[in-house]
Amino acid sequence: MANHDYDLPPDWEEMTDEAKSRWYTQERCRRQAMRQDTPAGRALKRQAERAEQHAEQSREQQTAQTPPDTERSCETRSAA
């Protein structure tokens, strides 16, 4: 597998060469726009920040909903 910093789409293996090329072009354009101080670049940065915040909130909610490991809790109490 190639060494890169792209987050490839889940259906990457099924994509045609043309679709992969189009995806790479769009991704490079998106990254370039994010580096520039333009309305489009600022909008993309805000969108990326919102996506990261949403992902972080989802992780926090999932952690809060995970029940404690009762077997391990019992072992800890027994050891004390």
PDB file of N, CA and C in Angstrom:
ATOM      1  N   MET A   1       0.839  -1.181   0.000  1.00  0.00           N
ATOM      2  CA  MET A   1       0.000   0.000   0.000  1.00  0.00           C
ATOM      3  C   MET A   1       0.878   1.237   0.000  1.00  0.00           C
ATOM      4  N   ALA A   2       0.462   2.251  -0.713  1.00  0.00           N
ATOM      5  CA  ALA A   2       1.225   3.483  -0.838  1.00  0.00           C
ATOM      6  C   ALA A   2       1.247   4.238   0.485  1.00  0.00           C
ATOM      7  N   ASN A   3       2.337   4.957   0.709  1.00  0.00           N
ATOM      8  CA  ASN A   3       2.478   5.766   1.911  1.00  0.00           C
ATOM      9  C   ASN A   3       2.009   7.185   1.595  1.00  0.00           C
ATOM     10  N   HIS A   4       0.878   7.596   2.176  1.00  0.00           N
ATOM     11  CA  HIS A   4       0.310   8.914   1.896  1.00  0.00           C
ATOM     12  C   HIS A   4      -0.544   9.370   3.060  1.00  0.00           C
ATOM     13  N   ASP A   5      -1.000  10.617   2.995  1.00  0.00           N
ATOM     14  CA  ASP A   5      -1.833  11.147   4.079  1.00  0.00           C
ATOM     15  C   ASP A   5      -3.278  11.369   3.632  1.00  0.00           C
ATOM     16  N   TYR A   6      -3.705  10.655   2.624  1.00  0.00           N
ATOM     17  CA  TYR A   6      -5.087  10.766   2.153  1.00  0.00           C
ATOM     18  C   TYR A   6      -5.986   9.805   2.932  1.00  0.00           C
ATOM     19  N   ASP A   7      -7.166  10.265   3.282  1.00  0.00           N
ATOM     20  CA  ASP A   7      -8.183   9.386   3.851  1.00  0.00           C
ATOM     21  C   ASP A   7      -9.035   8.892   2.684  1.00  0.00           C
ATOM     22  N   LEU A   8      -8.686   7.741   2.183  1.00  0.00           N
ATOM     23  CA  LEU A   8      -9.368   7.216   1.005  1.00  0.00           C
ATOM     24  C   LEU A   8     -10.806   6.831   1.343  1.00  0.00           C
ATOM     25  N   PRO A   9     -11.706   6.985   0.376  1.00  0.00           N
ATOM     26  CA  PRO A   9     -13.097   6.599   0.621  1.00  0.00           C
ATOM     27  C   PRO A   9     -13.208   5.085   0.821  1.00  0.00           C
ATOM     28  N   PRO A  10     -14.248   4.658   1.531  1.00  0.00           N
ATOM     29  CA  PRO A  10     -14.387   3.224   1.828  1.00  0.00           C
ATOM     30  C   PRO A  10     -14.500   2.342   0.585  1.00  0.00           C
ATOM     31  N   ASP A  11     -15.023   2.884  -0.494  1.00  0.00           N
ATOM     32  CA  ASP A  11     -15.195   2.079  -1.709  1.00  0.00           C
ATOM     33  C   ASP A  11     -14.027   2.242  -2.685  1.00  0.00           C
ATOM     34  N   TRP A  12     -12.857   2.609  -2.181  1.00  0.00           N
ATOM     35  CA  TRP A  12     -11.694   2.894  -3.020  1.00  0.00           C
ATOM     36  C   TRP A  12     -11.351   1.717  -3.934  1.00  0.00           C
ATOM     37  N   GLU A  13     -11.338   0.527  -3.407  1.00  0.00           N
ATOM     38  CA  GLU A  13     -10.939  -0.650  -4.187  1.00  0.00           C
ATOM     39  C   GLU A  13     -11.877  -0.905  -5.369  1.00  0.00           C
ATOM     40  N   GLU A  14     -13.146  -0.525  -5.237  1.00  0.00           N
ATOM     41  CA  GLU A  14     -14.117  -0.760  -6.307  1.00  0.00           C
ATOM     42  C   GLU A  14     -14.134   0.366  -7.338  1.00  0.00           C
ATOM     43  N   MET A  15     -13.478   1.488  -7.042  1.00  0.00           N
ATOM     44  CA  MET A  15     -13.514   2.637  -7.948  1.00  0.00           C
ATOM     45  C   MET A  15     -12.682   2.366  -9.198  1.00  0.00           C
ATOM     46  N   THR A  16     -13.129   2.934 -10.316  1.00  0.00           N
ATOM     47  CA  THR A  16     -12.363   2.827 -11.561  1.00  0.00           C
ATOM     48  C   THR A  16     -11.164   3.768 -11.483  1.00  0.00           C
ATOM     49  N   ASP A  17     -10.207   3.576 -12.378  1.00  0.00           N
ATOM     50  CA  ASP A  17      -9.043   4.464 -12.423  1.00  0.00           C
ATOM     51  C   ASP A  17      -9.474   5.905 -12.669  1.00  0.00           C
ATOM     52  N   GLU A  18     -10.474   6.097 -13.513  1.00  0.00           N
ATOM     53  CA  GLU A  18     -10.976   7.437 -13.802  1.00  0.00           C
ATOM     54  C   GLU A  18     -11.587   8.076 -12.553  1.00  0.00           C
ATOM     55  N   ALA A  19     -12.353   7.307 -11.819  1.00  0.00           N
ATOM     56  CA  ALA A  19     -12.983   7.813 -10.595  1.00  0.00           C
ATOM     57  C   ALA A  19     -11.913   8.134  -9.545  1.00  0.00           C
ATOM     58  N   LYS A  20     -10.888   7.285  -9.443  1.00  0.00           N
ATOM     59  CA  LYS A  20      -9.799   7.555  -8.499  1.00  0.00           C
ATOM     60  C   LYS A  20      -9.065   8.841  -8.870  1.00  0.00           C
ATOM     61  N   SER A  21      -8.795   9.022 -10.150  1.00  0.00           N
ATOM     62  CA  SER A  21      -8.123  10.234 -10.613  1.00  0.00           C
ATOM     63  C   SER A  21      -8.950  11.478 -10.290  1.00  0.00           C
ATOM     64  N   ARG A  22     -10.241  11.398 -10.542  1.00  0.00           N
ATOM     65  CA  ARG A  22     -11.141  12.526 -10.248  1.00  0.00           C
ATOM     66  C   ARG A  22     -11.152  12.809  -8.740  1.00  0.00           C
ATOM     67  N   TRP A  23     -11.176  11.747  -7.926  1.00  0.00           N
ATOM     68  CA  TRP A  23     -11.193  11.927  -6.482  1.00  0.00           C
ATOM     69  C   TRP A  23      -9.907  12.612  -6.005  1.00  0.00           C
ATOM     70  N   TYR A  24      -8.744  12.143  -6.522  1.00  0.00           N
ATOM     71  CA  TYR A  24      -7.465  12.751  -6.150  1.00  0.00           C
ATOM     72  C   TYR A  24      -7.429  14.231  -6.544  1.00  0.00           C
ATOM     73  N   THR A  25      -7.905  14.547  -7.741  1.00  0.00           N
ATOM     74  CA  THR A  25      -7.921  15.935  -8.203  1.00  0.00           C
ATOM     75  C   THR A  25      -8.783  16.796  -7.294  1.00  0.00           C
ATOM     76  N   GLN A  26      -9.959  16.321  -6.952  1.00  0.00           N
ATOM     77  CA  GLN A  26     -10.844  17.079  -6.066  1.00  0.00           C
ATOM     78  C   GLN A  26     -10.229  17.244  -4.687  1.00  0.00           C
ATOM     79  N   GLU A  27      -9.583  16.215  -4.176  1.00  0.00           N
ATOM     80  CA  GLU A  27      -8.954  16.280  -2.855  1.00  0.00           C
ATOM     81  C   GLU A  27      -7.797  17.276  -2.853  1.00  0.00           C
ATOM     82  N   ARG A  28      -6.983  17.263  -3.903  1.00  0.00           N
ATOM     83  CA  ARG A  28      -5.884  18.224  -3.980  1.00  0.00           C
ATOM     84  C   ARG A  28      -6.405  19.650  -4.070  1.00  0.00           C
ATOM     85  N   CYS A  29      -7.477  19.862  -4.820  1.00  0.00           N
ATOM     86  CA  CYS A  29      -8.093  21.191  -4.920  1.00  0.00           C
ATOM     87  C   CYS A  29      -8.649  21.631  -3.573  1.00  0.00           C
ATOM     88  N   ARG A  30      -9.278  20.711  -2.865  1.00  0.00           N
ATOM     89  CA  ARG A  30      -9.831  21.032  -1.551  1.00  0.00           C
ATOM     90  C   ARG A  30      -8.717  21.426  -0.588  1.00  0.00           C
ATOM     91  N   ARG A  31      -7.633  20.675  -0.600  1.00  0.00           N
ATOM     92  CA  ARG A  31      -6.511  20.981   0.292  1.00  0.00           C
ATOM     93  C   ARG A  31      -5.868  22.317  -0.060  1.00  0.00           C
ATOM     94  N   GLN A  32      -5.743  22.585  -1.339  1.00  0.00           N
ATOM     95  CA  GLN A  32      -5.159  23.866  -1.753  1.00  0.00           C
ATOM     96  C   GLN A  32      -6.055  25.015  -1.312  1.00  0.00           C
ATOM     97  N   ALA A  33      -7.355  24.874  -1.468  1.00  0.00           N
ATOM     98  CA  ALA A  33      -8.291  25.927  -1.063  1.00  0.00           C
ATOM     99  C   ALA A  33      -8.218  26.162   0.445  1.00  0.00           C
ATOM    100  N   MET A  34      -8.022  25.108   1.208  1.00  0.00           N
ATOM    101  CA  MET A  34      -7.930  25.260   2.661  1.00  0.00           C
ATOM    102  C   MET A  34      -6.682  26.035   3.062  1.00  0.00           C
ATOM    103  N   ARG A  35      -5.611  25.928   2.278  1.00  0.00           N
ATOM    104  CA  ARG A  35      -4.375  26.645   2.592  1.00  0.00           C
ATOM    105  C   ARG A  35      -4.457  28.122   2.225  1.00  0.00           C
ATOM    106  N   GLN A  36      -5.390  28.497   1.388  1.00  0.00           N
ATOM    107  CA  GLN A  36      -5.500  29.872   0.931  1.00  0.00           C
ATOM    108  C   GLN A  36      -6.489  30.651   1.789  1.00  0.00           C
ATOM    109  N   ASP A  37      -6.228  31.940   1.936  1.00  0.00           N
ATOM    110  CA  ASP A  37      -7.130  32.803   2.698  1.00  0.00           C
ATOM    111  C   ASP A  37      -8.177  33.375   1.747  1.00  0.00           C
ATOM    112  N   THR A  38      -9.132  32.523   1.388  1.00  0.00           N
ATOM    113  CA  THR A  38     -10.219  32.917   0.492  1.00  0.00           C
ATOM    114  C   THR A  38     -11.527  32.486   1.143  1.00  0.00           C
ATOM    115  N   PRO A  39     -12.649  33.006   0.680  1.00  0.00           N
ATOM    116  CA  PRO A  39     -13.933  32.553   1.244  1.00  0.00           C
ATOM    117  C   PRO A  39     -14.089  31.032   1.176  1.00  0.00           C
ATOM    118  N   ALA A  40     -13.704  30.437   0.075  1.00  0.00           N
ATOM    119  CA  ALA A  40     -13.832  28.981  -0.060  1.00  0.00           C
ATOM    120  C   ALA A  40     -12.914  28.270   0.935  1.00  0.00           C
ATOM    121  N   GLY A  41     -11.706  28.766   1.092  1.00  0.00           N
ATOM    122  CA  GLY A  41     -10.772  28.165   2.028  1.00  0.00           C
ATOM    123  C   GLY A  41     -11.265  28.262   3.461  1.00  0.00           C
ATOM    124  N   ARG A  42     -11.790  29.430   3.823  1.00  0.00           N
ATOM    125  CA  ARG A  42     -12.323  29.602   5.176  1.00  0.00           C
ATOM    126  C   ARG A  42     -13.540  28.706   5.407  1.00  0.00           C
ATOM    127  N   ALA A  43     -14.386  28.583   4.406  1.00  0.00           N
ATOM    128  CA  ALA A  43     -15.570  27.716   4.535  1.00  0.00           C
ATOM    129  C   ALA A  43     -15.156  26.264   4.708  1.00  0.00           C
ATOM    130  N   LEU A  44     -14.156  25.820   3.958  1.00  0.00           N
ATOM    131  CA  LEU A  44     -13.682  24.442   4.084  1.00  0.00           C
ATOM    132  C   LEU A  44     -13.059  24.197   5.458  1.00  0.00           C
ATOM    133  N   LYS A  45     -12.331  25.186   5.974  1.00  0.00           N
ATOM    134  CA  LYS A  45     -11.749  25.043   7.313  1.00  0.00           C
ATOM    135  C   LYS A  45     -12.845  24.920   8.361  1.00  0.00           C
ATOM    136  N   ARG A  46     -13.878  25.764   8.257  1.00  0.00           N
ATOM    137  CA  ARG A  46     -14.989  25.686   9.215  1.00  0.00           C
ATOM    138  C   ARG A  46     -15.684  24.329   9.119  1.00  0.00           C
ATOM    139  N   GLN A  47     -15.872  23.846   7.896  1.00  0.00           N
ATOM    140  CA  GLN A  47     -16.514  22.548   7.694  1.00  0.00           C
ATOM    141  C   GLN A  47     -15.674  21.433   8.333  1.00  0.00           C
ATOM    142  N   ALA A  48     -14.365  21.487   8.155  1.00  0.00           N
ATOM    143  CA  ALA A  48     -13.490  20.473   8.740  1.00  0.00           C
ATOM    144  C   ALA A  48     -13.517  20.549  10.265  1.00  0.00           C
ATOM    145  N   GLU A  49     -13.553  21.772  10.804  1.00  0.00           N
ATOM    146  CA  GLU A  49     -13.621  21.936  12.262  1.00  0.00           C
ATOM    147  C   GLU A  49     -14.922  21.368  12.818  1.00  0.00           C
ATOM    148  N   ARG A  50     -16.034  21.636  12.130  1.00  0.00           N
ATOM    149  CA  ARG A  50     -17.329  21.106  12.584  1.00  0.00           C
ATOM    150  C   ARG A  50     -17.330  19.584  12.531  1.00  0.00           C
ATOM    151  N   ALA A  51     -16.752  19.027  11.481  1.00  0.00           N
ATOM    152  CA  ALA A  51     -16.701  17.561  11.357  1.00  0.00           C
ATOM    153  C   ALA A  51     -15.867  16.966  12.485  1.00  0.00           C
ATOM    154  N   GLU A  52     -14.751  17.606  12.828  1.00  0.00           N
ATOM    155  CA  GLU A  52     -13.912  17.114  13.922  1.00  0.00           C
ATOM    156  C   GLU A  52     -14.637  17.226  15.252  1.00  0.00           C
ATOM    157  N   GLN A  53     -15.348  18.338  15.483  1.00  0.00           N
ATOM    158  CA  GLN A  53     -16.108  18.497  16.720  1.00  0.00           C
ATOM    159  C   GLN A  53     -17.201  17.432  16.825  1.00  0.00           C
ATOM    160  N   HIS A  54     -17.866  17.178  15.715  1.00  0.00           N
ATOM    161  CA  HIS A  54     -18.926  16.157  15.703  1.00  0.00           C
ATOM    162  C   HIS A  54     -18.338  14.778  16.019  1.00  0.00           C
ATOM    163  N   ALA A  55     -17.186  14.472  15.415  1.00  0.00           N
ATOM    164  CA  ALA A  55     -16.551  13.176  15.660  1.00  0.00           C
ATOM    165  C   ALA A  55     -16.129  13.061  17.121  1.00  0.00           C
ATOM    166  N   GLU A  56     -15.624  14.146  17.679  1.00  0.00           N
ATOM    167  CA  GLU A  56     -15.201  14.137  19.079  1.00  0.00           C
ATOM    168  C   GLU A  56     -16.402  13.939  20.003  1.00  0.00           C
ATOM    169  N   GLN A  57     -17.502  14.623  19.719  1.00  0.00           N
ATOM    170  CA  GLN A  57     -18.708  14.463  20.521  1.00  0.00           C
ATOM    171  C   GLN A  57     -19.240  13.035  20.432  1.00  0.00           C
ATOM    172  N   SER A  58     -19.184  12.458  19.247  1.00  0.00           N
ATOM    173  CA  SER A  58     -19.639  11.073  19.068  1.00  0.00           C
ATOM    174  C   SER A  58     -18.780  10.114  19.885  1.00  0.00           C
ATOM    175  N   ARG A  59     -17.464  10.336  19.878  1.00  0.00           N
ATOM    176  CA  ARG A  59     -16.568   9.485  20.672  1.00  0.00           C
ATOM    177  C   ARG A  59     -16.871   9.635  22.161  1.00  0.00           C
ATOM    178  N   GLU A  60     -17.104  10.874  22.610  1.00  0.00           N
ATOM    179  CA  GLU A  60     -17.411  11.106  24.023  1.00  0.00           C
ATOM    180  C   GLU A  60     -18.727  10.432  24.414  1.00  0.00           C
ATOM    181  N   GLN A  61     -19.733  10.536  23.553  1.00  0.00           N
ATOM    182  CA  GLN A  61     -21.014   9.909  23.839  1.00  0.00           C
ATOM    183  C   GLN A  61     -20.874   8.393  23.892  1.00  0.00           C
ATOM    184  N   GLN A  62     -20.100   7.848  22.979  1.00  0.00           N
ATOM    185  CA  GLN A  62     -19.911   6.403  22.943  1.00  0.00           C
ATOM    186  C   GLN A  62     -19.184   5.939  24.208  1.00  0.00           C
ATOM    187  N   THR A  63     -18.213   6.704  24.659  1.00  0.00           N
ATOM    188  CA  THR A  63     -17.480   6.366  25.877  1.00  0.00           C
ATOM    189  C   THR A  63     -18.404   6.437  27.084  1.00  0.00           C
ATOM    190  N   ALA A  64     -19.262   7.462  27.121  1.00  0.00           N
ATOM    191  CA  ALA A  64     -20.181   7.626  28.246  1.00  0.00           C
ATOM    192  C   ALA A  64     -21.227   6.512  28.280  1.00  0.00           C
ATOM    193  N   GLN A  65     -21.581   5.965  27.144  1.00  0.00           N
ATOM    194  CA  GLN A  65     -22.608   4.937  27.066  1.00  0.00           C
ATOM    195  C   GLN A  65     -22.057   3.534  27.287  1.00  0.00           C
ATOM    196  N   THR A  66     -20.742   3.377  27.262  1.00  0.00           N
ATOM    197  CA  THR A  66     -20.136   2.069  27.439  1.00  0.00           C
ATOM    198  C   THR A  66     -20.216   1.701  28.915  1.00  0.00           C
ATOM    199  N   PRO A  67     -20.871   0.592  29.237  1.00  0.00           N
ATOM    200  CA  PRO A  67     -20.988   0.195  30.650  1.00  0.00           C
ATOM    201  C   PRO A  67     -19.623  -0.212  31.191  1.00  0.00           C
ATOM    202  N   PRO A  68     -19.387  -0.005  32.484  1.00  0.00           N
ATOM    203  CA  PRO A  68     -18.096  -0.401  33.053  1.00  0.00           C
ATOM    204  C   PRO A  68     -17.938  -1.914  32.989  1.00  0.00           C
ATOM    205  N   ASP A  69     -16.718  -2.340  32.945  1.00  0.00           N
ATOM    206  CA  ASP A  69     -16.407  -3.767  32.918  1.00  0.00           C
ATOM    207  C   ASP A  69     -16.604  -4.309  34.323  1.00  0.00           C
ATOM    208  N   THR A  70     -17.762  -4.910  34.581  1.00  0.00           N
ATOM    209  CA  THR A  70     -18.113  -5.341  35.933  1.00  0.00           C
ATOM    210  C   THR A  70     -17.196  -6.441  36.436  1.00  0.00           C
ATOM    211  N   GLU A  71     -16.726  -7.304  35.566  1.00  0.00           N
ATOM    212  CA  GLU A  71     -15.843  -8.380  36.008  1.00  0.00           C
ATOM    213  C   GLU A  71     -14.541  -7.799  36.541  1.00  0.00           C
ATOM    214  N   ARG A  72     -13.998  -6.831  35.827  1.00  0.00           N
ATOM    215  CA  ARG A  72     -12.755  -6.196  36.248  1.00  0.00           C
ATOM    216  C   ARG A  72     -12.981  -5.399  37.529  1.00  0.00           C
ATOM    217  N   SER A  73     -14.132  -4.740  37.652  1.00  0.00           N
ATOM    218  CA  SER A  73     -14.443  -3.986  38.857  1.00  0.00           C
ATOM    219  C   SER A  73     -14.475  -4.908  40.068  1.00  0.00           C
ATOM    220  N   CYS A  74     -15.024  -6.097  39.907  1.00  0.00           N
ATOM    221  CA  CYS A  74     -15.085  -7.058  41.014  1.00  0.00           C
ATOM    222  C   CYS A  74     -13.692  -7.511  41.406  1.00  0.00           C
ATOM    223  N   GLU A  75     -12.828  -7.758  40.423  1.00  0.00           N
ATOM    224  CA  GLU A  75     -11.453  -8.175  40.713  1.00  0.00           C
ATOM    225  C   GLU A  75     -10.727  -7.094  41.495  1.00  0.00           C
ATOM    226  N   THR A  76     -10.934  -5.849  41.117  1.00  0.00           N
ATOM    227  CA  THR A  76     -10.263  -4.743  41.782  1.00  0.00           C
ATOM    228  C   THR A  76     -10.720  -4.657  43.236  1.00  0.00           C
ATOM    229  N   ARG A  77     -12.034  -4.812  43.454  1.00  0.00           N
ATOM    230  CA  ARG A  77     -12.576  -4.754  44.813  1.00  0.00           C
ATOM    231  C   ARG A  77     -12.053  -5.931  45.640  1.00  0.00           C
ATOM    232  N   SER A  78     -11.924  -7.102  45.043  1.00  0.00           N
ATOM    233  CA  SER A  78     -11.471  -8.282  45.761  1.00  0.00           C
ATOM    234  C   SER A  78     -10.014  -8.133  46.197  1.00  0.00           C
ATOM    235  N   ALA A  79      -9.225  -7.476  45.350  1.00  0.00           N
ATOM    236  CA  ALA A  79      -7.814  -7.314  45.630  1.00  0.00           C
ATOM    237  C   ALA A  79      -7.594  -6.345  46.791  1.00  0.00           C
ATOM    238  N   ALA A  80      -8.534  -5.436  47.020  1.00  0.00           N
ATOM    239  CA  ALA A  80      -8.372  -4.419  48.075  1.00  0.00           C
ATOM    240  C   ALA A  80      -8.722  -4.938  49.397  1.00  0.00           C
TER     241      ALA A  80
END
